């Protein structure tokens, strides 16, 4: 998709109040991931996961590793996908990021239930995954239209 279509979609998103595009797209349909609000949310989530794990109860190293891995996969797939040449390719990477969001949600729920992460912290992190999930779904829908 060329620059013109990105600009049109960005403007539509801005007007609808769902501005997931912020900043100019590059030529060839590629989007600078640093201009995507969802990428910033995903980075903030990965940082929050890292901090929560640092404060977590001892033990369950595998669960902590899986949680960190899924959190890091979200922003990484958004960034990698933004460099793809077409909307369907970008959407495919966003779908992988969406799957990683779901995986992180499941790990967080387990971590809360077995008291690896405090309930209040887990609840805040789960709210973040919900916001990221919604943003990814909206962005995928926009790319599909």
Protein backbone atom coordinates (compact mmCIF):
# COMPACT_ATOMS: atom_id res chain seq x y z
CA UNK A 1 0.00 0.00 0.00
CA UNK A 2 1.40 3.38 -0.91
CA UNK A 3 1.79 6.45 1.25
CA UNK A 4 -1.55 7.95 0.17
CA UNK A 5 -3.62 5.06 1.50
CA UNK A 6 -1.73 5.07 4.82
CA UNK A 7 -2.47 8.78 5.15
CA UNK A 8 -6.17 8.20 4.43
CA UNK A 9 -6.38 5.38 6.96
CA UNK A 10 -4.48 7.37 9.55
CA UNK A 11 -6.85 10.30 9.10
CA UNK A 12 -9.92 8.05 9.35
CA UNK A 13 -8.55 6.51 12.54
CA UNK A 14 -7.84 9.95 13.98
CA UNK A 15 -11.36 11.17 13.20
CA UNK A 16 -12.99 8.06 14.64
CA UNK A 17 -11.08 8.43 17.90
CA UNK A 18 -9.12 5.23 17.31
CA UNK A 19 -5.88 6.80 16.19
CA UNK A 20 -3.60 3.82 16.08
CA UNK A 21 -1.62 5.50 13.34
CA UNK A 22 0.45 8.45 14.46
CA UNK A 23 3.12 9.76 12.17
CA UNK A 24 3.86 9.38 8.52
CA UNK A 25 4.12 6.06 6.81
CA UNK A 26 7.14 5.37 4.72
CA UNK A 27 7.03 4.63 1.02
CA UNK A 28 6.18 1.13 -0.09
CA UNK A 29 3.47 0.61 2.53
CA UNK A 30 5.86 0.13 5.42
CA UNK A 31 5.03 1.81 8.72
CA UNK A 32 7.58 3.04 11.23
CA UNK A 33 6.68 0.96 14.28
CA UNK A 34 7.80 3.77 16.59
CA UNK A 35 4.79 5.74 15.35
CA UNK A 36 2.32 3.05 16.40
CA UNK A 37 0.64 3.62 19.73
CA UNK A 38 0.08 -0.12 20.16
CA UNK A 39 3.86 -0.70 19.94
CA UNK A 40 4.43 1.81 22.75
CA UNK A 41 1.76 0.07 24.85
CA UNK A 42 3.42 -3.29 24.17
CA UNK A 43 6.83 -1.94 25.21
CA UNK A 44 5.33 -0.55 28.43
CA UNK A 45 3.74 -3.94 29.07
CA UNK A 46 7.05 -5.78 28.58
CA UNK A 47 8.74 -3.40 31.01
CA UNK A 48 5.93 -3.87 33.55
CA UNK A 49 6.22 -7.66 33.22
CA UNK A 50 9.97 -7.45 33.77
CA UNK A 51 9.43 -5.41 36.94
CA UNK A 52 6.69 -7.71 38.21
CA UNK A 53 8.88 -10.76 37.70
CA UNK A 54 11.75 -9.09 39.54
CA UNK A 55 9.41 -8.70 42.54
CA UNK A 56 7.79 -12.13 42.12
CA UNK A 57 7.96 -14.96 44.57
CA UNK A 58 10.87 -17.36 44.21
CA UNK A 59 10.49 -20.45 42.11
CA UNK A 60 8.49 -21.13 38.96
CA UNK A 61 11.37 -20.03 36.72
CA UNK A 62 9.77 -21.63 33.66
CA UNK A 63 6.51 -19.73 34.14
CA UNK A 64 8.38 -16.47 34.58
CA UNK A 65 10.43 -17.16 31.46
CA UNK A 66 7.32 -17.98 29.41
CA UNK A 67 5.63 -14.82 30.65
CA UNK A 68 8.61 -12.66 29.71
CA UNK A 69 8.93 -14.36 26.35
CA UNK A 70 5.28 -13.85 25.43
CA UNK A 71 5.39 -10.20 26.57
CA UNK A 72 8.50 -9.53 24.49
CA UNK A 73 7.00 -11.26 21.47
CA UNK A 74 4.15 -8.75 21.32
CA UNK A 75 6.20 -5.63 20.62
CA UNK A 76 8.73 -7.56 18.53
CA UNK A 77 6.07 -8.87 16.14
CA UNK A 78 4.48 -5.44 15.81
CA UNK A 79 7.88 -4.00 14.91
CA UNK A 80 8.78 -6.80 12.52
CA UNK A 81 5.40 -6.69 10.82
CA UNK A 82 5.55 -2.95 10.31
CA UNK A 83 8.49 -3.48 7.98
CA UNK A 84 6.52 -5.73 5.65
CA UNK A 85 5.58 -4.47 2.23
CA UNK A 86 1.86 -5.24 2.21
CA UNK A 87 -1.08 -4.91 4.56
CA UNK A 88 -1.80 -8.67 4.60
CA UNK A 89 1.81 -9.36 5.61
CA UNK A 90 1.64 -6.73 8.35
CA UNK A 91 -1.71 -8.13 9.54
CA UNK A 92 -0.18 -11.61 9.78
CA UNK A 93 2.50 -10.34 12.19
CA UNK A 94 -0.11 -8.43 14.17
CA UNK A 95 -2.08 -11.68 14.47
CA UNK A 96 1.01 -13.36 15.92
CA UNK A 97 1.33 -10.45 18.38
CA UNK A 98 -2.33 -10.95 19.26
CA UNK A 99 -1.64 -14.62 19.98
CA UNK A 100 1.26 -13.62 22.21
CA UNK A 101 -1.07 -11.26 24.07
CA UNK A 102 -3.44 -14.15 24.70
CA UNK A 103 -0.54 -16.34 25.83
CA UNK A 104 0.67 -13.64 28.24
CA UNK A 105 -2.87 -13.34 29.62
CA UNK A 106 -2.98 -17.06 30.34
CA UNK A 107 0.43 -17.02 32.03
CA UNK A 108 -0.58 -14.01 34.12
CA UNK A 109 -3.75 -15.71 35.26
CA UNK A 110 -1.77 -18.75 36.37
CA UNK A 111 0.86 -16.59 38.07
CA UNK A 112 -1.89 -14.81 40.00
CA UNK A 113 -3.64 -18.04 41.00
CA UNK A 114 -0.49 -19.71 42.33
CA UNK A 115 0.69 -16.48 44.01
CA UNK A 116 3.82 -15.97 41.94
CA UNK A 117 2.66 -12.43 41.16
CA UNK A 118 0.51 -10.41 43.57
CA UNK A 119 -3.16 -10.26 42.60
CA UNK A 120 -3.23 -6.48 42.36
CA UNK A 121 -0.17 -6.44 40.09
CA UNK A 122 -1.56 -9.26 37.95
CA UNK A 123 -4.88 -7.44 37.61
CA UNK A 124 -3.12 -4.28 36.38
CA UNK A 125 -1.10 -6.32 33.89
CA UNK A 126 -4.22 -8.13 32.71
CA UNK A 127 -5.88 -4.78 32.09
CA UNK A 128 -2.87 -3.80 29.98
CA UNK A 129 -3.17 -6.98 27.92
CA UNK A 130 -6.82 -6.18 27.35
CA UNK A 131 -5.98 -2.72 26.03
CA UNK A 132 -3.22 -4.06 23.78
CA UNK A 133 -5.52 -6.81 22.51
CA UNK A 134 -8.20 -4.28 21.59
CA UNK A 135 -5.70 -2.05 19.82
CA UNK A 136 -4.30 -4.98 17.84
CA UNK A 137 -7.77 -6.15 16.82
CA UNK A 138 -8.69 -2.65 15.66
CA UNK A 139 -5.47 -2.28 13.70
CA UNK A 140 -5.91 -5.68 12.04
CA UNK A 141 -9.48 -4.74 11.08
CA UNK A 142 -8.26 -1.47 9.56
CA UNK A 143 -5.64 -3.29 7.53
CA UNK A 144 -8.26 -5.76 6.29
CA UNK A 145 -10.55 -3.02 4.97
